PDB file of all heavy atoms in Angstrom:
ATOM      1  N   LYS A   1       0.878  -1.163  -0.001  1.00  0.00           N
ATOM      2  CA  LYS A   1      -0.005  -0.027  -0.011  1.00  0.00           C
ATOM      3  C   LYS A   1       0.910   1.241   0.009  1.00  0.00           C
ATOM      4  O   LYS A   1       1.770   1.395   0.900  1.00  0.00           O
ATOM      5  CB  LYS A   1      -0.882  -0.021   1.278  1.00  0.00           C
ATOM      6  CG  LYS A   1      -1.676   1.239   1.475  1.00  0.00           C
ATOM      7  CD  LYS A   1      -2.339   1.156   2.861  1.00  0.00           C
ATOM      8  CE  LYS A   1      -3.093   2.467   3.222  1.00  0.00           C
ATOM      9  NZ  LYS A   1      -3.695   2.418   4.554  1.00  0.00           N
ATOM     10  N   ARG A   2       0.762   2.074  -1.014  1.00  0.00           N
ATOM     11  CA  ARG A   2       1.649   3.230  -1.142  1.00  0.00           C
ATOM     12  C   ARG A   2       0.835   4.511  -1.252  1.00  0.00           C
ATOM     13  O   ARG A   2      -0.254   4.502  -1.855  1.00  0.00           O
ATOM     14  CB  ARG A   2       2.575   3.105  -2.377  1.00  0.00           C
ATOM     15  CG  ARG A   2       3.307   1.815  -2.495  1.00  0.00           C
ATOM     16  CD  ARG A   2       4.250   1.855  -3.653  1.00  0.00           C
ATOM     17  NE  ARG A   2       5.513   2.518  -3.343  1.00  0.00           N
ATOM     18  CZ  ARG A   2       6.501   2.727  -4.174  1.00  0.00           C
ATOM     19  NH1 ARG A   2       6.363   2.323  -5.451  1.00  0.00           N
ATOM     20  NH2 ARG A   2       7.631   3.275  -3.846  1.00  0.00           N
ATOM     21  N   TYR A   3       1.375   5.562  -0.740  1.00  0.00           N
ATOM     22  CA  TYR A   3       0.764   6.892  -0.922  1.00  0.00           C
ATOM     23  C   TYR A   3       1.495   7.612  -2.056  1.00  0.00           C
ATOM     24  O   TYR A   3       2.679   7.630  -2.041  1.00  0.00           O
ATOM     25  CB  TYR A   3       0.835   7.734   0.356  1.00  0.00           C
ATOM     26  CG  TYR A   3      -0.239   7.432   1.378  1.00  0.00           C
ATOM     27  CD1 TYR A   3      -0.095   6.396   2.282  1.00  0.00           C
ATOM     28  CD2 TYR A   3      -1.467   8.139   1.360  1.00  0.00           C
ATOM     29  CE1 TYR A   3      -1.096   6.087   3.215  1.00  0.00           C
ATOM     30  CE2 TYR A   3      -2.477   7.837   2.284  1.00  0.00           C
ATOM     31  CZ  TYR A   3      -2.279   6.813   3.211  1.00  0.00           C
ATOM     32  OH  TYR A   3      -3.277   6.534   4.118  1.00  0.00           O
ATOM     33  N   PRO A   4       0.761   8.191  -3.007  1.00  0.00           N
ATOM     34  CA  PRO A   4       1.444   8.970  -4.041  1.00  0.00           C
ATOM     35  C   PRO A   4       2.202  10.085  -3.391  1.00  0.00           C
ATOM     36  O   PRO A   4       1.807  10.638  -2.343  1.00  0.00           O
ATOM     37  CB  PRO A   4       0.272   9.539  -4.872  1.00  0.00           C
ATOM     38  CG  PRO A   4      -0.859   8.581  -4.649  1.00  0.00           C
ATOM     39  CD  PRO A   4      -0.700   8.136  -3.227  1.00  0.00           C
ATOM     40  N   SER A   5       3.324  10.455  -3.979  1.00  0.00           N
ATOM     41  CA  SER A   5       4.192  11.492  -3.411  1.00  0.00           C
ATOM     42  C   SER A   5       4.797  12.342  -4.479  1.00  0.00           C
ATOM     43  O   SER A   5       5.407  11.799  -5.448  1.00  0.00           O
ATOM     44  CB  SER A   5       5.286  10.875  -2.537  1.00  0.00           C
ATOM     45  OG  SER A   5       6.273  11.840  -2.192  1.00  0.00           O
ATOM     46  N   ILE A   6       4.663  13.644  -4.391  1.00  0.00           N
ATOM     47  CA  ILE A   6       5.264  14.572  -5.312  1.00  0.00           C
ATOM     48  C   ILE A   6       6.794  14.555  -5.163  1.00  0.00           C
ATOM     49  O   ILE A   6       7.525  14.433  -6.152  1.00  0.00           O
ATOM     50  CB  ILE A   6       4.732  15.961  -5.146  1.00  0.00           C
ATOM     51  CG1 ILE A   6       3.220  16.047  -5.461  1.00  0.00           C
ATOM     52  CG2 ILE A   6       5.465  16.955  -6.036  1.00  0.00           C
ATOM     53  CD1 ILE A   6       2.587  17.410  -5.071  1.00  0.00           C
ATOM     54  N   LEU A   7       7.230  14.502  -3.908  1.00  0.00           N
ATOM     55  CA  LEU A   7       8.672  14.584  -3.645  1.00  0.00           C
ATOM     56  C   LEU A   7       9.389  13.346  -4.074  1.00  0.00           C
ATOM     57  O   LEU A   7      10.483  13.405  -4.671  1.00  0.00           O
ATOM     58  CB  LEU A   7       8.899  14.820  -2.135  1.00  0.00           C
ATOM     59  CG  LEU A   7       8.437  16.140  -1.576  1.00  0.00           C
ATOM     60  CD1 LEU A   7       8.674  16.226  -0.064  1.00  0.00           C
ATOM     61  CD2 LEU A   7       9.204  17.344  -2.260  1.00  0.00           C
ATOM     62  N   LYS A   8       8.761  12.191  -3.834  1.00  0.00           N
ATOM     63  CA  LYS A   8       9.455  10.891  -4.184  1.00  0.00           C
ATOM     64  C   LYS A   8       9.090  10.423  -5.572  1.00  0.00           C
ATOM     65  O   LYS A   8       9.611   9.394  -6.044  1.00  0.00           O
ATOM     66  CB  LYS A   8       9.013   9.834  -3.190  1.00  0.00           C
ATOM     67  CG  LYS A   8       9.380  10.096  -1.755  1.00  0.00           C
ATOM     68  CD  LYS A   8       8.889   9.013  -0.817  1.00  0.00           C
ATOM     69  CE  LYS A   8       9.132   9.307   0.646  1.00  0.00           C
ATOM     70  NZ  LYS A   8       8.515   8.319   1.518  1.00  0.00           N
ATOM     71  N   GLN A   9       8.213  11.183  -6.282  1.00  0.00           N
ATOM     72  CA  GLN A   9       7.732  10.817  -7.589  1.00  0.00           C
ATOM     73  C   GLN A   9       7.151   9.413  -7.605  1.00  0.00           C
ATOM     74  O   GLN A   9       7.445   8.598  -8.459  1.00  0.00           O
ATOM     75  CB  GLN A   9       8.895  10.920  -8.703  1.00  0.00           C
ATOM     76  CG  GLN A   9       9.362  12.341  -8.938  1.00  0.00           C
ATOM     77  CD  GLN A   9      10.127  12.416 -10.215  1.00  0.00           C
ATOM     78  OE1 GLN A   9       9.569  12.698 -11.289  1.00  0.00           O
ATOM     79  NE2 GLN A   9      11.430  12.211 -10.137  1.00  0.00           N
ATOM     80  N   ILE A  10       6.324   9.188  -6.608  1.00  0.00           N
ATOM     81  CA  ILE A  10       5.584   7.926  -6.555  1.00  0.00           C
ATOM     82  C   ILE A  10       4.141   8.261  -7.018  1.00  0.00           C
ATOM     83  O   ILE A  10       3.397   8.970  -6.332  1.00  0.00           O
ATOM     84  CB  ILE A  10       5.533   7.362  -5.115  1.00  0.00           C
ATOM     85  CG1 ILE A  10       6.927   7.063  -4.600  1.00  0.00           C
ATOM     86  CG2 ILE A  10       4.619   6.145  -5.050  1.00  0.00           C
ATOM     87  CD1 ILE A  10       6.967   6.711  -3.123  1.00  0.00           C
ATOM     88  N   GLY A  11       3.756   7.773  -8.132  1.00  0.00           N
ATOM     89  CA  GLY A  11       2.382   7.961  -8.645  1.00  0.00           C
ATOM     90  C   GLY A  11       2.115   9.390  -9.111  1.00  0.00           C
ATOM     91  O   GLY A  11       0.992   9.659  -9.564  1.00  0.00           O
ATOM     92  N   ILE A  12       3.087  10.306  -9.029  1.00  0.00           N
ATOM     93  CA  ILE A  12       2.956  11.657  -9.500  1.00  0.00           C
ATOM     94  C   ILE A  12       4.218  12.069 -10.153  1.00  0.00           C
ATOM     95  O   ILE A  12       5.318  11.935  -9.621  1.00  0.00           O
ATOM     96  CB  ILE A  12       2.642  12.627  -8.311  1.00  0.00           C
ATOM     97  CG1 ILE A  12       1.306  12.229  -7.657  1.00  0.00           C
ATOM     98  CG2 ILE A  12       2.516  14.058  -8.813  1.00  0.00           C
ATOM     99  CD1 ILE A  12       0.997  13.022  -6.371  1.00  0.00           C
ATOM    100  N   ALA A  13       4.119  12.600 -11.362  1.00  0.00           N
ATOM    101  CA  ALA A  13       5.306  13.016 -12.124  1.00  0.00           C
ATOM    102  C   ALA A  13       4.992  14.201 -12.921  1.00  0.00           C
ATOM    103  O   ALA A  13       3.848  14.527 -13.266  1.00  0.00           O
ATOM    104  CB  ALA A  13       5.850  11.902 -12.953  1.00  0.00           C
ATOM    105  N   LYS A  14       6.030  14.965 -13.294  1.00  0.00           N
ATOM    106  CA  LYS A  14       5.932  16.143 -14.141  1.00  0.00           C
ATOM    107  C   LYS A  14       6.861  15.999 -15.336  1.00  0.00           C
ATOM    108  O   LYS A  14       8.045  15.647 -15.159  1.00  0.00           O
ATOM    109  CB  LYS A  14       6.195  17.382 -13.347  1.00  0.00           C
ATOM    110  CG  LYS A  14       6.121  18.677 -14.224  1.00  0.00           C
ATOM    111  CD  LYS A  14       6.656  19.881 -13.437  1.00  0.00           C
ATOM    112  CE  LYS A  14       5.623  20.457 -12.486  1.00  0.00           C
ATOM    113  NZ  LYS A  14       6.042  21.811 -11.962  1.00  0.00           N
ATOM    114  N   THR A  15       6.362  16.268 -16.499  1.00  0.00           N
ATOM    115  CA  THR A  15       7.194  16.205 -17.705  1.00  0.00           C
ATOM    116  C   THR A  15       7.130  17.581 -18.393  1.00  0.00           C
ATOM    117  O   THR A  15       6.057  18.181 -18.476  1.00  0.00           O
ATOM    118  CB  THR A  15       6.709  15.149 -18.707  1.00  0.00           C
ATOM    119  OG1 THR A  15       6.696  13.865 -18.051  1.00  0.00           O
ATOM    120  CG2 THR A  15       7.580  15.121 -19.942  1.00  0.00           C
ATOM    121  N   GLU A  16       8.268  18.046 -18.851  1.00  0.00           N
ATOM    122  CA  GLU A  16       8.360  19.315 -19.542  1.00  0.00           C
ATOM    123  C   GLU A  16       8.973  19.128 -20.901  1.00  0.00           C
ATOM    124  O   GLU A  16       9.829  18.245 -21.103  1.00  0.00           O
ATOM    125  CB  GLU A  16       9.187  20.277 -18.730  1.00  0.00           C
ATOM    126  CG  GLU A  16       8.632  20.555 -17.339  1.00  0.00           C
ATOM    127  CD  GLU A  16       9.523  21.481 -16.508  1.00  0.00           C
ATOM    128  OE1 GLU A  16      10.663  21.661 -16.967  1.00  0.00           O
ATOM    129  OE2 GLU A  16       9.117  21.900 -15.432  1.00  0.00           O
ATOM    130  N   PRO A  17       8.605  19.960 -21.882  1.00  0.00           N
ATOM    131  CA  PRO A  17       9.213  19.870 -23.218  1.00  0.00           C
ATOM    132  C   PRO A  17      10.674  20.272 -23.169  1.00  0.00           C
ATOM    133  O   PRO A  17      10.983  21.226 -22.486  1.00  0.00           O
ATOM    134  CB  PRO A  17       8.378  20.819 -24.068  1.00  0.00           C
ATOM    135  CG  PRO A  17       7.821  21.797 -23.116  1.00  0.00           C
ATOM    136  CD  PRO A  17       7.607  21.016 -21.849  1.00  0.00           C
ATOM    137  N   GLY A  18      11.504  19.528 -23.796  1.00  0.00           N
ATOM    138  CA  GLY A  18      12.966  19.821 -23.806  1.00  0.00           C
ATOM    139  C   GLY A  18      13.316  20.549 -25.117  1.00  0.00           C
ATOM    140  O   GLY A  18      12.496  21.118 -25.776  1.00  0.00           O
ATOM    141  N   ASP A  19      14.555  20.394 -25.473  1.00  0.00           N
ATOM    142  CA  ASP A  19      15.098  20.988 -26.685  1.00  0.00           C
ATOM    143  C   ASP A  19      14.459  20.204 -27.890  1.00  0.00           C
ATOM    144  O   ASP A  19      14.495  18.981 -27.928  1.00  0.00           O
ATOM    145  CB  ASP A  19      16.564  20.833 -26.725  1.00  0.00           C
ATOM    146  CG  ASP A  19      17.208  21.506 -27.907  1.00  0.00           C
ATOM    147  OD1 ASP A  19      16.485  21.765 -28.899  1.00  0.00           O
ATOM    148  OD2 ASP A  19      18.438  21.805 -27.852  1.00  0.00           O
ATOM    149  N   GLU A  20      13.899  20.911 -28.859  1.00  0.00           N
ATOM    150  CA  GLU A  20      13.281  20.242 -30.020  1.00  0.00           C
ATOM    151  C   GLU A  20      14.215  19.350 -30.733  1.00  0.00           C
ATOM    152  O   GLU A  20      13.796  18.384 -31.331  1.00  0.00           O
ATOM    153  CB  GLU A  20      12.767  21.343 -31.001  1.00  0.00           C
ATOM    154  CG  GLU A  20      11.420  21.904 -30.545  1.00  0.00           C
ATOM    155  CD  GLU A  20      10.744  22.706 -31.723  1.00  0.00           C
ATOM    156  OE1 GLU A  20      11.194  22.517 -32.854  1.00  0.00           O
ATOM    157  OE2 GLU A  20       9.901  23.516 -31.405  1.00  0.00           O
ATOM    158  N   ASN A  21      15.514  19.634 -30.731  1.00  0.00           N
ATOM    159  CA  ASN A  21      16.452  18.893 -31.534  1.00  0.00           C
ATOM    160  C   ASN A  21      16.836  17.544 -30.921  1.00  0.00           C
ATOM    161  O   ASN A  21      17.167  16.613 -31.618  1.00  0.00           O
ATOM    162  CB  ASN A  21      17.731  19.693 -31.815  1.00  0.00           C
ATOM    163  CG  ASN A  21      17.409  20.965 -32.550  1.00  0.00           C
ATOM    164  OD1 ASN A  21      16.607  20.952 -33.499  1.00  0.00           O
ATOM    165  ND2 ASN A  21      17.965  22.100 -32.150  1.00  0.00           N
ATOM    166  N   ASN A  22      16.812  17.500 -29.585  1.00  0.00           N
ATOM    167  CA  ASN A  22      17.301  16.232 -28.975  1.00  0.00           C
ATOM    168  C   ASN A  22      16.305  15.521 -28.105  1.00  0.00           C
ATOM    169  O   ASN A  22      16.577  14.467 -27.537  1.00  0.00           O
ATOM    170  CB  ASN A  22      18.615  16.497 -28.255  1.00  0.00           C
ATOM    171  CG  ASN A  22      18.397  17.483 -27.099  1.00  0.00           C
ATOM    172  OD1 ASN A  22      17.310  17.679 -26.628  1.00  0.00           O
ATOM    173  ND2 ASN A  22      19.499  18.105 -26.675  1.00  0.00           N
ATOM    174  N   GLN A  23      15.067  16.087 -27.933  1.00  0.00           N
ATOM    175  CA  GLN A  23      14.094  15.418 -27.026  1.00  0.00           C
ATOM    176  C   GLN A  23      13.557  14.207 -27.731  1.00  0.00           C
ATOM    177  O   GLN A  23      13.241  14.204 -28.908  1.00  0.00           O
ATOM    178  CB  GLN A  23      12.968  16.352 -26.738  1.00  0.00           C
ATOM    179  CG  GLN A  23      12.077  15.774 -25.649  1.00  0.00           C
ATOM    180  CD  GLN A  23      10.948  16.692 -25.281  1.00  0.00           C
ATOM    181  OE1 GLN A  23      10.699  17.642 -25.953  1.00  0.00           O
ATOM    182  NE2 GLN A  23      10.266  16.436 -24.156  1.00  0.00           N
ATOM    183  N   ASP A  24      13.425  13.084 -26.973  1.00  0.00           N
ATOM    184  CA  ASP A  24      12.827  11.895 -27.516  1.00  0.00           C
ATOM    185  C   ASP A  24      11.829  11.367 -26.538  1.00  0.00           C
ATOM    186  O   ASP A  24      11.589  11.927 -25.472  1.00  0.00           O
ATOM    187  CB  ASP A  24      13.895  10.857 -27.889  1.00  0.00           C
ATOM    188  CG  ASP A  24      14.742  10.443 -26.626  1.00  0.00           C
ATOM    189  OD1 ASP A  24      14.182  10.554 -25.495  1.00  0.00           O
ATOM    190  OD2 ASP A  24      15.892  10.014 -26.802  1.00  0.00           O
TER     191      ASP A  24
END
């Protein structure tokens, strides 16, 4: 049994766009 956590990135994550030339 786990609690989602922003700090530990458990069940919650953030993605941001990177450089257009090298992001995959």
